[in-house]
Amino acid sequence: MNDKERLIELEVRLTHMDDTVEQLDKVVSEQQIRIDYLERQLKKIARDYTEFKEQMAPDIVDTKPPHY
């Protein structure tokens, strides 16, 4: 394999690697957006649960029994 062929092969490999990196970056970005959404939903559910629990039974304390 001469130098020109080696250079062409390296350029082709680099192009494929660049494409792969771009695809991975897109996936990671989409996953971060999804994680942020799920974290907001979880916080909302936790807040709603706390409010609901306080409305339904404000005198009940949510603790473990003494034998735990």
PDB file of N, CA and C in Angstrom:
ATOM      1  N   MET A   1       0.864  -1.172   0.000  1.00  0.00           N
ATOM      2  CA  MET A   1       0.000   0.000   0.000  1.00  0.00           C
ATOM      3  C   MET A   1       0.912   1.238   0.000  1.00  0.00           C
ATOM      4  N   ASN A   2       0.697   2.094  -0.960  1.00  0.00           N
ATOM      5  CA  ASN A   2       1.541   3.286  -1.018  1.00  0.00           C
ATOM      6  C   ASN A   2       0.965   4.394  -0.155  1.00  0.00           C
ATOM      7  N   ASP A   3       1.694   5.486  -0.068  1.00  0.00           N
ATOM      8  CA  ASP A   3       1.296   6.588   0.815  1.00  0.00           C
ATOM      9  C   ASP A   3      -0.038   7.205   0.420  1.00  0.00           C
ATOM     10  N   LYS A   4      -0.288   7.291  -0.870  1.00  0.00           N
ATOM     11  CA  LYS A   4      -1.555   7.888  -1.327  1.00  0.00           C
ATOM     12  C   LYS A   4      -2.746   7.021  -0.904  1.00  0.00           C
ATOM     13  N   GLU A   5      -2.604   5.718  -1.053  1.00  0.00           N
ATOM     14  CA  GLU A   5      -3.680   4.801  -0.666  1.00  0.00           C
ATOM     15  C   GLU A   5      -3.894   4.838   0.859  1.00  0.00           C
ATOM     16  N   ARG A   6      -2.806   4.905   1.583  1.00  0.00           N
ATOM     17  CA  ARG A   6      -2.913   4.991   3.038  1.00  0.00           C
ATOM     18  C   ARG A   6      -3.631   6.272   3.458  1.00  0.00           C
ATOM     19  N   LEU A   7      -3.285   7.365   2.808  1.00  0.00           N
ATOM     20  CA  LEU A   7      -3.924   8.641   3.122  1.00  0.00           C
ATOM     21  C   LEU A   7      -5.414   8.591   2.817  1.00  0.00           C
ATOM     22  N   ILE A   8      -5.775   8.020   1.691  1.00  0.00           N
ATOM     23  CA  ILE A   8      -7.198   7.905   1.321  1.00  0.00           C
ATOM     24  C   ILE A   8      -7.932   7.027   2.342  1.00  0.00           C
ATOM     25  N   GLU A   9      -7.313   5.912   2.714  1.00  0.00           N
ATOM     26  CA  GLU A   9      -7.926   5.022   3.707  1.00  0.00           C
ATOM     27  C   GLU A   9      -8.128   5.744   5.042  1.00  0.00           C
ATOM     28  N   LEU A  10      -7.140   6.501   5.474  1.00  0.00           N
ATOM     29  CA  LEU A  10      -7.265   7.252   6.725  1.00  0.00           C
ATOM     30  C   LEU A  10      -8.351   8.312   6.643  1.00  0.00           C
ATOM     31  N   GLU A  11      -8.461   8.978   5.503  1.00  0.00           N
ATOM     32  CA  GLU A  11      -9.509   9.993   5.336  1.00  0.00           C
ATOM     33  C   GLU A  11     -10.895   9.362   5.375  1.00  0.00           C
ATOM     34  N   VAL A  12     -11.031   8.194   4.759  1.00  0.00           N
ATOM     35  CA  VAL A  12     -12.320   7.493   4.779  1.00  0.00           C
ATOM     36  C   VAL A  12     -12.673   7.095   6.205  1.00  0.00           C
ATOM     37  N   ARG A  13     -11.705   6.548   6.931  1.00  0.00           N
ATOM     38  CA  ARG A  13     -11.949   6.144   8.318  1.00  0.00           C
ATOM     39  C   ARG A  13     -12.301   7.350   9.184  1.00  0.00           C
ATOM     40  N   LEU A  14     -11.597   8.451   8.984  1.00  0.00           N
ATOM     41  CA  LEU A  14     -11.880   9.662   9.746  1.00  0.00           C
ATOM     42  C   LEU A  14     -13.292  10.172   9.469  1.00  0.00           C
ATOM     43  N   THR A  15     -13.697  10.113   8.225  1.00  0.00           N
ATOM     44  CA  THR A  15     -15.048  10.550   7.865  1.00  0.00           C
ATOM     45  C   THR A  15     -16.098   9.689   8.567  1.00  0.00           C
ATOM     46  N   HIS A  16     -15.884   8.376   8.589  1.00  0.00           N
ATOM     47  CA  HIS A  16     -16.820   7.480   9.281  1.00  0.00           C
ATOM     48  C   HIS A  16     -16.826   7.748  10.792  1.00  0.00           C
ATOM     49  N   MET A  17     -15.670   7.998  11.342  1.00  0.00           N
ATOM     50  CA  MET A  17     -15.596   8.295  12.773  1.00  0.00           C
ATOM     51  C   MET A  17     -16.292   9.608  13.096  1.00  0.00           C
ATOM     52  N   ASP A  18     -16.123  10.614  12.256  1.00  0.00           N
ATOM     53  CA  ASP A  18     -16.817  11.892  12.461  1.00  0.00           C
ATOM     54  C   ASP A  18     -18.330  11.696  12.450  1.00  0.00           C
ATOM     55  N   ASP A  19     -18.797  10.884  11.508  1.00  0.00           N
ATOM     56  CA  ASP A  19     -20.234  10.615  11.425  1.00  0.00           C
ATOM     57  C   ASP A  19     -20.723   9.907  12.687  1.00  0.00           C
ATOM     58  N   THR A  20     -19.959   8.949  13.158  1.00  0.00           N
ATOM     59  CA  THR A  20     -20.331   8.226  14.369  1.00  0.00           C
ATOM     60  C   THR A  20     -20.375   9.155  15.574  1.00  0.00           C
ATOM     61  N   VAL A  21     -19.398  10.029  15.688  1.00  0.00           N
ATOM     62  CA  VAL A  21     -19.368  10.974  16.808  1.00  0.00           C
ATOM     63  C   VAL A  21     -20.581  11.901  16.754  1.00  0.00           C
ATOM     64  N   GLU A  22     -20.950  12.364  15.582  1.00  0.00           N
ATOM     65  CA  GLU A  22     -22.130  13.226  15.445  1.00  0.00           C
ATOM     66  C   GLU A  22     -23.402  12.486  15.844  1.00  0.00           C
ATOM     67  N   GLN A  23     -23.510  11.225  15.432  1.00  0.00           N
ATOM     68  CA  GLN A  23     -24.684  10.431  15.809  1.00  0.00           C
ATOM     69  C   GLN A  23     -24.742  10.232  17.320  1.00  0.00           C
ATOM     70  N   LEU A  24     -23.607   9.922  17.919  1.00  0.00           N
ATOM     71  CA  LEU A  24     -23.571   9.730  19.370  1.00  0.00           C
ATOM     72  C   LEU A  24     -23.904  11.022  20.109  1.00  0.00           C
ATOM     73  N   ASP A  25     -23.412  12.131  19.617  1.00  0.00           N
ATOM     74  CA  ASP A  25     -23.707  13.423  20.231  1.00  0.00           C
ATOM     75  C   ASP A  25     -25.206  13.706  20.190  1.00  0.00           C
ATOM     76  N   LYS A  26     -25.823  13.382  19.080  1.00  0.00           N
ATOM     77  CA  LYS A  26     -27.271  13.584  18.949  1.00  0.00           C
ATOM     78  C   LYS A  26     -28.029  12.716  19.956  1.00  0.00           C
ATOM     79  N   VAL A  27     -27.616  11.467  20.086  1.00  0.00           N
ATOM     80  CA  VAL A  27     -28.280  10.553  21.024  1.00  0.00           C
ATOM     81  C   VAL A  27     -28.115  11.049  22.457  1.00  0.00           C
ATOM     82  N   VAL A  28     -26.905  11.466  22.811  1.00  0.00           N
ATOM     83  CA  VAL A  28     -26.654  11.948  24.171  1.00  0.00           C
ATOM     84  C   VAL A  28     -27.488  13.202  24.448  1.00  0.00           C
ATOM     85  N   SER A  29     -27.576  14.097  23.483  1.00  0.00           N
ATOM     86  CA  SER A  29     -28.378  15.311  23.660  1.00  0.00           C
ATOM     87  C   SER A  29     -29.852  14.973  23.865  1.00  0.00           C
ATOM     88  N   GLU A  30     -30.364  14.043  23.059  1.00  0.00           N
ATOM     89  CA  GLU A  30     -31.761  13.639  23.203  1.00  0.00           C
ATOM     90  C   GLU A  30     -32.005  12.973  24.551  1.00  0.00           C
ATOM     91  N   GLN A  31     -31.053  12.158  25.004  1.00  0.00           N
ATOM     92  CA  GLN A  31     -31.206  11.505  26.300  1.00  0.00           C
ATOM     93  C   GLN A  31     -31.190  12.523  27.430  1.00  0.00           C
ATOM     94  N   GLN A  32     -30.356  13.541  27.334  1.00  0.00           N
ATOM     95  CA  GLN A  32     -30.315  14.559  28.384  1.00  0.00           C
ATOM     96  C   GLN A  32     -31.628  15.321  28.456  1.00  0.00           C
ATOM     97  N   ILE A  33     -32.206  15.614  27.293  1.00  0.00           N
ATOM     98  CA  ILE A  33     -33.510  16.284  27.268  1.00  0.00           C
ATOM     99  C   ILE A  33     -34.552  15.399  27.954  1.00  0.00           C
ATOM    100  N   ARG A  34     -34.515  14.104  27.665  1.00  0.00           N
ATOM    101  CA  ARG A  34     -35.470  13.169  28.260  1.00  0.00           C
ATOM    102  C   ARG A  34     -35.253  13.058  29.778  1.00  0.00           C
ATOM    103  N   ILE A  35     -34.000  12.995  30.203  1.00  0.00           N
ATOM    104  CA  ILE A  35     -33.690  12.919  31.640  1.00  0.00           C
ATOM    105  C   ILE A  35     -34.198  14.164  32.356  1.00  0.00           C
ATOM    106  N   ASP A  36     -33.967  15.336  31.773  1.00  0.00           N
ATOM    107  CA  ASP A  36     -34.448  16.579  32.379  1.00  0.00           C
ATOM    108  C   ASP A  36     -35.963  16.556  32.517  1.00  0.00           C
ATOM    109  N   TYR A  37     -36.654  16.095  31.475  1.00  0.00           N
ATOM    110  CA  TYR A  37     -38.119  16.008  31.512  1.00  0.00           C
ATOM    111  C   TYR A  37     -38.567  15.061  32.624  1.00  0.00           C
ATOM    112  N   LEU A  38     -37.941  13.882  32.700  1.00  0.00           N
ATOM    113  CA  LEU A  38     -38.326  12.899  33.705  1.00  0.00           C
ATOM    114  C   LEU A  38     -38.050  13.402  35.123  1.00  0.00           C
ATOM    115  N   GLU A  39     -36.962  14.124  35.319  1.00  0.00           N
ATOM    116  CA  GLU A  39     -36.675  14.699  36.634  1.00  0.00           C
ATOM    117  C   GLU A  39     -37.742  15.713  37.029  1.00  0.00           C
ATOM    118  N   ARG A  40     -38.160  16.539  36.080  1.00  0.00           N
ATOM    119  CA  ARG A  40     -39.232  17.507  36.383  1.00  0.00           C
ATOM    120  C   ARG A  40     -40.525  16.785  36.727  1.00  0.00           C
ATOM    121  N   GLN A  41     -40.840  15.729  35.991  1.00  0.00           N
ATOM    122  CA  GLN A  41     -42.056  14.962  36.261  1.00  0.00           C
ATOM    123  C   GLN A  41     -41.989  14.310  37.644  1.00  0.00           C
ATOM    124  N   LEU A  42     -40.839  13.745  37.986  1.00  0.00           N
ATOM    125  CA  LEU A  42     -40.686  13.105  39.283  1.00  0.00           C
ATOM    126  C   LEU A  42     -40.853  14.106  40.421  1.00  0.00           C
ATOM    127  N   LYS A  43     -40.268  15.287  40.278  1.00  0.00           N
ATOM    128  CA  LYS A  43     -40.421  16.321  41.307  1.00  0.00           C
ATOM    129  C   LYS A  43     -41.883  16.734  41.443  1.00  0.00           C
ATOM    130  N   LYS A  44     -42.584  16.842  40.309  1.00  0.00           N
ATOM    131  CA  LYS A  44     -44.001  17.210  40.342  1.00  0.00           C
ATOM    132  C   LYS A  44     -44.815  16.118  41.043  1.00  0.00           C
ATOM    133  N   ILE A  45     -44.550  14.882  40.731  1.00  0.00           N
ATOM    134  CA  ILE A  45     -45.273  13.771  41.360  1.00  0.00           C
ATOM    135  C   ILE A  45     -45.000  13.752  42.861  1.00  0.00           C
ATOM    136  N   ALA A  46     -43.759  13.942  43.263  1.00  0.00           N
ATOM    137  CA  ALA A  46     -43.423  13.955  44.692  1.00  0.00           C
ATOM    138  C   ALA A  46     -44.133  15.106  45.394  1.00  0.00           C
ATOM    139  N   ARG A  47     -44.157  16.278  44.767  1.00  0.00           N
ATOM    140  CA  ARG A  47     -44.835  17.439  45.353  1.00  0.00           C
ATOM    141  C   ARG A  47     -46.344  17.179  45.457  1.00  0.00           C
ATOM    142  N   ASP A  48     -46.931  16.629  44.374  1.00  0.00           N
ATOM    143  CA  ASP A  48     -48.366  16.321  44.389  1.00  0.00           C
ATOM    144  C   ASP A  48     -48.699  15.284  45.460  1.00  0.00           C
ATOM    145  N   TYR A  49     -47.834  14.275  45.606  1.00  0.00           N
ATOM    146  CA  TYR A  49     -48.059  13.247  46.627  1.00  0.00           C
ATOM    147  C   TYR A  49     -48.045  13.853  48.023  1.00  0.00           C
ATOM    148  N   THR A  50     -47.075  14.714  48.272  1.00  0.00           N
ATOM    149  CA  THR A  50     -46.970  15.340  49.591  1.00  0.00           C
ATOM    150  C   THR A  50     -48.201  16.192  49.878  1.00  0.00           C
ATOM    151  N   GLU A  51     -48.626  16.959  48.895  1.00  0.00           N
ATOM    152  CA  GLU A  51     -49.818  17.798  49.077  1.00  0.00           C
ATOM    153  C   GLU A  51     -51.054  16.943  49.293  1.00  0.00           C
ATOM    154  N   PHE A  52     -51.183  15.874  48.520  1.00  0.00           N
ATOM    155  CA  PHE A  52     -52.343  14.998  48.647  1.00  0.00           C
ATOM    156  C   PHE A  52     -52.370  14.338  50.021  1.00  0.00           C
ATOM    157  N   LYS A  53     -51.217  13.852  50.462  1.00  0.00           N
ATOM    158  CA  LYS A  53     -51.131  13.200  51.774  1.00  0.00           C
ATOM    159  C   LYS A  53     -51.510  14.169  52.885  1.00  0.00           C
ATOM    160  N   GLU A  54     -51.046  15.416  52.785  1.00  0.00           N
ATOM    161  CA  GLU A  54     -51.363  16.406  53.809  1.00  0.00           C
ATOM    162  C   GLU A  54     -52.843  16.768  53.803  1.00  0.00           C
ATOM    163  N   GLN A  55     -53.455  16.788  52.642  1.00  0.00           N
ATOM    164  CA  GLN A  55     -54.883  17.107  52.550  1.00  0.00           C
ATOM    165  C   GLN A  55     -55.748  15.972  53.082  1.00  0.00           C
ATOM    166  N   MET A  56     -55.360  14.737  52.789  1.00  0.00           N
ATOM    167  CA  MET A  56     -56.197  13.603  53.162  1.00  0.00           C
ATOM    168  C   MET A  56     -56.084  13.255  54.649  1.00  0.00           C
ATOM    169  N   ALA A  57     -54.912  13.343  55.198  1.00  0.00           N
ATOM    170  CA  ALA A  57     -54.730  12.960  56.586  1.00  0.00           C
ATOM    171  C   ALA A  57     -53.609  13.792  57.196  1.00  0.00           C
ATOM    172  N   PRO A  58     -53.899  15.020  57.544  1.00  0.00           N
ATOM    173  CA  PRO A  58     -52.828  15.886  58.059  1.00  0.00           C
ATOM    174  C   PRO A  58     -52.252  15.426  59.400  1.00  0.00           C
ATOM    175  N   ASP A  59     -52.995  14.611  60.167  1.00  0.00           N
ATOM    176  CA  ASP A  59     -52.523  14.173  61.484  1.00  0.00           C
ATOM    177  C   ASP A  59     -51.689  12.892  61.421  1.00  0.00           C
ATOM    178  N   ILE A  60     -51.716  12.199  60.276  1.00  0.00           N
ATOM    179  CA  ILE A  60     -50.974  10.941  60.165  1.00  0.00           C
ATOM    180  C   ILE A  60     -49.534  11.251  59.781  1.00  0.00           C
ATOM    181  N   VAL A  61     -48.618  10.692  60.560  1.00  0.00           N
ATOM    182  CA  VAL A  61     -47.195  10.875  60.293  1.00  0.00           C
ATOM    183  C   VAL A  61     -46.685   9.641  59.567  1.00  0.00           C
ATOM    184  N   ASP A  62     -45.991   9.838  58.475  1.00  0.00           N
ATOM    185  CA  ASP A  62     -45.507   8.740  57.651  1.00  0.00           C
ATOM    186  C   ASP A  62     -44.107   8.322  58.122  1.00  0.00           C
ATOM    187  N   THR A  63     -44.071   7.532  59.220  1.00  0.00           N
ATOM    188  CA  THR A  63     -42.789   7.060  59.767  1.00  0.00           C
ATOM    189  C   THR A  63     -42.847   5.552  59.956  1.00  0.00           C
ATOM    190  N   LYS A  64     -41.658   4.948  60.106  1.00  0.00           N
ATOM    191  CA  LYS A  64     -41.581   3.519  60.339  1.00  0.00           C
ATOM    192  C   LYS A  64     -41.977   3.204  61.776  1.00  0.00           C
ATOM    193  N   PRO A  65     -42.537   2.026  61.997  1.00  0.00           N
ATOM    194  CA  PRO A  65     -42.865   1.609  63.359  1.00  0.00           C
ATOM    195  C   PRO A  65     -41.590   1.452  64.180  1.00  0.00           C
ATOM    196  N   PRO A  66     -41.690   1.489  65.495  1.00  0.00           N
ATOM    197  CA  PRO A  66     -40.508   1.432  66.362  1.00  0.00           C
ATOM    198  C   PRO A  66     -39.674   0.152  66.205  1.00  0.00           C
ATOM    199  N   HIS A  67     -40.272  -0.950  65.790  1.00  0.00           N
ATOM    200  CA  HIS A  67     -39.528  -2.201  65.702  1.00  0.00           C
ATOM    201  C   HIS A  67     -38.620  -2.281  64.474  1.00  0.00           C
ATOM    202  N   TYR A  68     -38.591  -1.287  63.628  1.00  0.00           N
ATOM    203  CA  TYR A  68     -37.711  -1.289  62.448  1.00  0.00           C
ATOM    204  C   TYR A  68     -36.394  -0.728  62.768  1.00  0.00           C
TER     205      TYR A  68
END
